[in-house]
Amino acid sequence: MDLSTVIRETEKLGVTILFCPFKTTKGRHLVTPDNKFILINQNLSDTEKVNVILHEKAHLINQDTENQLIHVATFSHRIEAVAEADRIVDFMSLINRELPIDESFNYHDFM
């Protein structure tokens, strides 16, 4: 798993990744009329940066910023859960090239 590869693959989707000196935030995504950004805490380890990029990329792919229900607490938790599930699938696919991992992957069967 290589941070630069994850950055390149994400930028192919038209997303600009910026590293920022956040104090408490790991990362966030921003969408303007013309651009998409993922902002990452520059002080994170490379593994943490990869995970944050994958999580925020899931928000952008799912177009979460266009969903007005994100302002409703219950639904915003669901949006975060979906982004986190997508991050886990992407991360597991990065670290495990031998076994295809997708939404139907069952960890208990694997063990």
N, C-alpha and C. Protein backbone atom coordinates (compact mmCIF):
# COMPACT_ATOMS: atom_id res chain seq x y z
N MET A 1 0.86 -1.17 0.00
CA MET A 1 0.00 0.00 0.00
C MET A 1 0.90 1.23 0.00
N ASP A 2 0.71 2.05 -0.97
CA ASP A 2 1.57 3.21 -1.16
C ASP A 2 0.72 4.47 -1.20
N LEU A 3 1.04 5.43 -0.34
CA LEU A 3 0.29 6.68 -0.27
C LEU A 3 0.26 7.39 -1.62
N SER A 4 1.39 7.45 -2.29
CA SER A 4 1.43 8.17 -3.57
C SER A 4 0.53 7.52 -4.62
N THR A 5 0.41 6.20 -4.58
CA THR A 5 -0.48 5.50 -5.51
C THR A 5 -1.94 5.85 -5.22
N VAL A 6 -2.31 5.86 -3.94
CA VAL A 6 -3.68 6.21 -3.55
C VAL A 6 -3.99 7.64 -3.97
N ILE A 7 -3.04 8.54 -3.79
CA ILE A 7 -3.23 9.94 -4.19
C ILE A 7 -3.43 10.03 -5.70
N ARG A 8 -2.57 9.35 -6.47
CA ARG A 8 -2.70 9.38 -7.94
C ARG A 8 -4.04 8.84 -8.40
N GLU A 9 -4.46 7.71 -7.84
CA GLU A 9 -5.74 7.11 -8.23
C GLU A 9 -6.91 8.02 -7.88
N THR A 10 -6.83 8.68 -6.75
CA THR A 10 -7.90 9.59 -6.33
C THR A 10 -7.92 10.83 -7.22
N GLU A 11 -6.76 11.35 -7.56
CA GLU A 11 -6.70 12.53 -8.41
C GLU A 11 -7.20 12.24 -9.83
N LYS A 12 -7.16 10.98 -10.26
CA LYS A 12 -7.73 10.61 -11.56
C LYS A 12 -9.23 10.84 -11.60
N LEU A 13 -9.85 10.90 -10.43
CA LEU A 13 -11.29 11.16 -10.33
C LEU A 13 -11.61 12.65 -10.34
N GLY A 14 -10.59 13.48 -10.54
CA GLY A 14 -10.80 14.93 -10.57
C GLY A 14 -10.79 15.57 -9.20
N VAL A 15 -10.17 14.91 -8.24
CA VAL A 15 -10.11 15.40 -6.86
C VAL A 15 -8.70 15.92 -6.59
N THR A 16 -8.60 17.11 -6.01
CA THR A 16 -7.32 17.66 -5.59
C THR A 16 -7.12 17.34 -4.11
N ILE A 17 -5.97 16.78 -3.77
CA ILE A 17 -5.67 16.44 -2.38
C ILE A 17 -4.68 17.46 -1.85
N LEU A 18 -5.04 18.05 -0.72
CA LEU A 18 -4.20 19.05 -0.07
C LEU A 18 -3.87 18.61 1.35
N PHE A 19 -2.63 18.81 1.77
CA PHE A 19 -2.22 18.48 3.13
C PHE A 19 -2.17 19.76 3.94
N CYS A 20 -2.85 19.76 5.08
CA CYS A 20 -3.06 20.97 5.88
C CYS A 20 -2.61 20.74 7.32
N PRO A 21 -2.27 21.81 8.02
CA PRO A 21 -1.85 21.69 9.43
C PRO A 21 -3.04 21.71 10.39
N PHE A 22 -3.97 20.77 10.23
CA PHE A 22 -5.11 20.70 11.15
C PHE A 22 -4.63 20.36 12.55
N LYS A 23 -5.31 20.88 13.55
CA LYS A 23 -4.95 20.57 14.93
C LYS A 23 -5.71 19.35 15.45
N THR A 24 -7.00 19.24 15.11
CA THR A 24 -7.80 18.14 15.65
C THR A 24 -8.48 17.30 14.57
N THR A 25 -8.63 17.82 13.38
CA THR A 25 -9.34 17.12 12.31
C THR A 25 -8.38 16.25 11.52
N LYS A 26 -8.81 15.03 11.20
CA LYS A 26 -7.97 14.16 10.36
C LYS A 26 -8.11 14.52 8.89
N GLY A 27 -9.32 14.90 8.49
CA GLY A 27 -9.53 15.26 7.10
C GLY A 27 -10.97 15.63 6.84
N ARG A 28 -11.20 16.16 5.66
CA ARG A 28 -12.55 16.52 5.24
C ARG A 28 -12.56 16.67 3.73
N HIS A 29 -13.75 16.70 3.17
CA HIS A 29 -13.89 16.93 1.73
C HIS A 29 -14.64 18.23 1.51
N LEU A 30 -14.32 18.88 0.43
CA LEU A 30 -14.98 20.12 0.04
C LEU A 30 -15.32 20.05 -1.44
N VAL A 31 -16.47 20.58 -1.78
CA VAL A 31 -16.88 20.64 -3.18
C VAL A 31 -17.27 22.07 -3.49
N THR A 32 -16.68 22.62 -4.54
CA THR A 32 -17.06 23.93 -5.04
C THR A 32 -17.74 23.69 -6.40
N PRO A 33 -18.32 24.71 -6.99
CA PRO A 33 -18.95 24.48 -8.30
C PRO A 33 -17.98 23.92 -9.35
N ASP A 34 -16.68 24.23 -9.21
CA ASP A 34 -15.73 23.82 -10.24
C ASP A 34 -14.73 22.75 -9.79
N ASN A 35 -14.62 22.50 -8.49
CA ASN A 35 -13.55 21.62 -8.00
C ASN A 35 -14.01 20.74 -6.85
N LYS A 36 -13.26 19.64 -6.67
CA LYS A 36 -13.45 18.75 -5.52
C LYS A 36 -12.11 18.66 -4.80
N PHE A 37 -12.15 18.75 -3.48
CA PHE A 37 -10.93 18.71 -2.68
C PHE A 37 -11.07 17.70 -1.55
N ILE A 38 -9.95 17.07 -1.21
CA ILE A 38 -9.84 16.32 0.03
C ILE A 38 -8.70 16.98 0.79
N LEU A 39 -9.00 17.42 2.01
CA LEU A 39 -8.02 18.07 2.87
C LEU A 39 -7.59 17.06 3.93
N ILE A 40 -6.29 16.84 4.07
CA ILE A 40 -5.74 15.82 4.96
C ILE A 40 -4.81 16.47 5.97
N ASN A 41 -4.90 16.03 7.21
CA ASN A 41 -3.99 16.49 8.26
C ASN A 41 -2.58 16.00 7.90
N GLN A 42 -1.68 16.93 7.71
CA GLN A 42 -0.32 16.59 7.29
C GLN A 42 0.47 15.85 8.35
N ASN A 43 0.01 15.85 9.59
CA ASN A 43 0.74 15.21 10.69
C ASN A 43 0.39 13.74 10.89
N LEU A 44 -0.52 13.21 10.10
CA LEU A 44 -0.90 11.81 10.21
C LEU A 44 0.17 10.90 9.62
N SER A 45 0.18 9.64 10.06
CA SER A 45 1.06 8.65 9.44
C SER A 45 0.55 8.37 8.02
N ASP A 46 1.38 7.75 7.20
CA ASP A 46 0.96 7.44 5.83
C ASP A 46 -0.26 6.52 5.81
N THR A 47 -0.30 5.55 6.71
CA THR A 47 -1.45 4.64 6.77
C THR A 47 -2.71 5.40 7.13
N GLU A 48 -2.61 6.32 8.09
CA GLU A 48 -3.78 7.13 8.45
C GLU A 48 -4.20 8.02 7.28
N LYS A 49 -3.24 8.60 6.58
CA LYS A 49 -3.55 9.44 5.42
C LYS A 49 -4.30 8.64 4.36
N VAL A 50 -3.84 7.42 4.09
CA VAL A 50 -4.52 6.56 3.11
C VAL A 50 -5.96 6.31 3.54
N ASN A 51 -6.15 5.97 4.81
CA ASN A 51 -7.51 5.70 5.30
C ASN A 51 -8.41 6.92 5.23
N VAL A 52 -7.88 8.08 5.54
CA VAL A 52 -8.69 9.30 5.47
C VAL A 52 -9.03 9.63 4.02
N ILE A 53 -8.07 9.48 3.12
CA ILE A 53 -8.34 9.72 1.70
C ILE A 53 -9.44 8.78 1.20
N LEU A 54 -9.34 7.50 1.55
CA LEU A 54 -10.35 6.54 1.11
C LEU A 54 -11.73 6.88 1.66
N HIS A 55 -11.79 7.30 2.93
CA HIS A 55 -13.07 7.66 3.55
C HIS A 55 -13.68 8.89 2.87
N GLU A 56 -12.87 9.93 2.70
CA GLU A 56 -13.38 11.16 2.08
C GLU A 56 -13.71 10.94 0.61
N LYS A 57 -12.94 10.10 -0.07
CA LYS A 57 -13.24 9.77 -1.47
C LYS A 57 -14.61 9.11 -1.57
N ALA A 58 -14.94 8.26 -0.61
CA ALA A 58 -16.26 7.61 -0.61
C ALA A 58 -17.37 8.66 -0.51
N HIS A 59 -17.17 9.69 0.32
CA HIS A 59 -18.17 10.77 0.40
C HIS A 59 -18.34 11.44 -0.96
N LEU A 60 -17.23 11.70 -1.64
CA LEU A 60 -17.31 12.37 -2.94
C LEU A 60 -17.98 11.48 -3.99
N ILE A 61 -17.62 10.21 -4.02
CA ILE A 61 -18.22 9.29 -4.99
C ILE A 61 -19.72 9.16 -4.74
N ASN A 62 -20.10 9.10 -3.47
CA ASN A 62 -21.52 8.97 -3.11
C ASN A 62 -22.28 10.29 -3.19
N GLN A 63 -21.58 11.36 -3.54
CA GLN A 63 -22.16 12.71 -3.65
C GLN A 63 -22.90 13.13 -2.38
N ASP A 64 -22.27 12.85 -1.25
CA ASP A 64 -22.90 13.17 0.04
C ASP A 64 -23.11 14.66 0.24
N THR A 65 -22.29 15.50 -0.35
CA THR A 65 -22.45 16.94 -0.16
C THR A 65 -23.71 17.47 -0.84
N GLU A 66 -24.25 16.70 -1.78
CA GLU A 66 -25.47 17.13 -2.47
C GLU A 66 -26.73 16.64 -1.78
N ASN A 67 -26.58 15.89 -0.71
CA ASN A 67 -27.72 15.32 0.00
C ASN A 67 -28.11 16.24 1.16
N GLN A 68 -29.28 16.83 1.08
CA GLN A 68 -29.73 17.77 2.11
C GLN A 68 -29.99 17.09 3.45
N LEU A 69 -30.18 15.78 3.44
CA LEU A 69 -30.43 15.06 4.69
C LEU A 69 -29.18 14.93 5.56
N ILE A 70 -28.03 15.34 5.03
CA ILE A 70 -26.80 15.27 5.82
C ILE A 70 -26.89 16.14 7.08
N HIS A 71 -27.80 17.11 7.07
CA HIS A 71 -27.96 17.99 8.22
C HIS A 71 -28.85 17.38 9.31
N VAL A 72 -29.43 16.24 9.03
CA VAL A 72 -30.24 15.52 10.02
C VAL A 72 -29.32 14.51 10.70
N ALA A 73 -29.21 14.60 12.03
CA ALA A 73 -28.23 13.80 12.77
C ALA A 73 -28.32 12.31 12.46
N THR A 74 -29.50 11.75 12.48
CA THR A 74 -29.65 10.31 12.24
C THR A 74 -29.15 9.93 10.85
N PHE A 75 -29.49 10.72 9.85
CA PHE A 75 -29.07 10.39 8.50
C PHE A 75 -27.58 10.65 8.31
N SER A 76 -27.04 11.66 8.97
CA SER A 76 -25.60 11.92 8.84
C SER A 76 -24.78 10.76 9.40
N HIS A 77 -25.30 10.10 10.44
CA HIS A 77 -24.61 8.91 10.97
C HIS A 77 -24.62 7.78 9.94
N ARG A 78 -25.73 7.66 9.22
CA ARG A 78 -25.81 6.64 8.18
C ARG A 78 -24.83 6.95 7.05
N ILE A 79 -24.74 8.21 6.66
CA ILE A 79 -23.80 8.61 5.60
C ILE A 79 -22.37 8.28 6.02
N GLU A 80 -22.03 8.57 7.27
CA GLU A 80 -20.69 8.25 7.78
C GLU A 80 -20.45 6.74 7.78
N ALA A 81 -21.47 5.97 8.17
CA ALA A 81 -21.33 4.51 8.20
C ALA A 81 -21.09 3.95 6.80
N VAL A 82 -21.80 4.47 5.82
CA VAL A 82 -21.61 4.02 4.43
C VAL A 82 -20.22 4.38 3.94
N ALA A 83 -19.76 5.60 4.21
CA ALA A 83 -18.42 6.01 3.79
C ALA A 83 -17.36 5.15 4.47
N GLU A 84 -17.59 4.81 5.72
CA GLU A 84 -16.63 3.98 6.45
C GLU A 84 -16.62 2.55 5.90
N ALA A 85 -17.78 2.02 5.56
CA ALA A 85 -17.84 0.69 4.96
C ALA A 85 -17.10 0.67 3.62
N ASP A 86 -17.29 1.71 2.82
CA ASP A 86 -16.58 1.81 1.54
C ASP A 86 -15.08 1.91 1.76
N ARG A 87 -14.67 2.66 2.79
CA ARG A 87 -13.24 2.80 3.10
C ARG A 87 -12.64 1.45 3.46
N ILE A 88 -13.35 0.68 4.26
CA ILE A 88 -12.84 -0.62 4.69
C ILE A 88 -12.66 -1.55 3.49
N VAL A 89 -13.64 -1.58 2.60
CA VAL A 89 -13.53 -2.42 1.40
C VAL A 89 -12.33 -1.98 0.56
N ASP A 90 -12.17 -0.68 0.34
CA ASP A 90 -11.04 -0.17 -0.44
C ASP A 90 -9.71 -0.47 0.23
N PHE A 91 -9.64 -0.28 1.55
CA PHE A 91 -8.39 -0.50 2.28
C PHE A 91 -8.03 -1.99 2.26
N MET A 92 -9.00 -2.85 2.49
CA MET A 92 -8.73 -4.29 2.47
C MET A 92 -8.28 -4.73 1.08
N SER A 93 -8.82 -4.14 0.05
CA SER A 93 -8.40 -4.47 -1.31
C SER A 93 -6.97 -4.03 -1.56
N LEU A 94 -6.55 -2.93 -0.94
CA LEU A 94 -5.18 -2.46 -1.09
C LEU A 94 -4.18 -3.39 -0.42
N ILE A 95 -4.53 -3.89 0.76
CA ILE A 95 -3.55 -4.69 1.51
C ILE A 95 -3.63 -6.18 1.20
N ASN A 96 -4.68 -6.61 0.54
CA ASN A 96 -4.84 -8.03 0.23
C ASN A 96 -5.09 -8.19 -1.26
N ARG A 97 -4.04 -8.44 -2.00
CA ARG A 97 -4.16 -8.60 -3.45
C ARG A 97 -4.52 -10.02 -3.86
N GLU A 98 -4.42 -10.99 -2.92
CA GLU A 98 -4.65 -12.39 -3.26
C GLU A 98 -6.13 -12.74 -3.35
N LEU A 99 -6.94 -12.13 -2.52
CA LEU A 99 -8.34 -12.49 -2.42
C LEU A 99 -9.19 -11.29 -2.79
N PRO A 100 -10.07 -11.41 -3.77
CA PRO A 100 -10.90 -10.25 -4.11
C PRO A 100 -11.84 -9.91 -2.95
N ILE A 101 -11.87 -8.66 -2.58
CA ILE A 101 -12.72 -8.22 -1.48
C ILE A 101 -13.67 -7.17 -2.03
N ASP A 102 -14.96 -7.40 -1.84
CA ASP A 102 -15.97 -6.43 -2.24
C ASP A 102 -17.05 -6.40 -1.17
N GLU A 103 -18.17 -5.81 -1.48
CA GLU A 103 -19.24 -5.66 -0.50
C GLU A 103 -19.77 -6.99 0.00
N SER A 104 -19.60 -8.06 -0.78
CA SER A 104 -20.12 -9.37 -0.38
C SER A 104 -19.11 -10.18 0.43
N PHE A 105 -17.90 -9.65 0.64
CA PHE A 105 -16.87 -10.35 1.40
C PHE A 105 -17.33 -10.59 2.83
N ASN A 106 -17.19 -11.83 3.30
CA ASN A 106 -17.58 -12.19 4.66
C ASN A 106 -16.32 -12.56 5.44
N TYR A 107 -15.94 -11.70 6.38
CA TYR A 107 -14.72 -11.90 7.14
C TYR A 107 -14.76 -13.20 7.94
N HIS A 108 -15.92 -13.54 8.50
CA HIS A 108 -16.04 -14.76 9.30
C HIS A 108 -15.81 -16.01 8.44
N ASP A 109 -16.32 -16.02 7.23
CA ASP A 109 -16.07 -17.14 6.33
C ASP A 109 -14.59 -17.21 5.95
N PHE A 110 -13.97 -16.06 5.79
CA PHE A 110 -12.55 -15.98 5.43
C PHE A 110 -11.68 -16.60 6.51
N MET A 111 -12.03 -16.35 7.78
CA MET A 111 -11.25 -16.86 8.90
C MET A 111 -11.45 -18.36 9.04
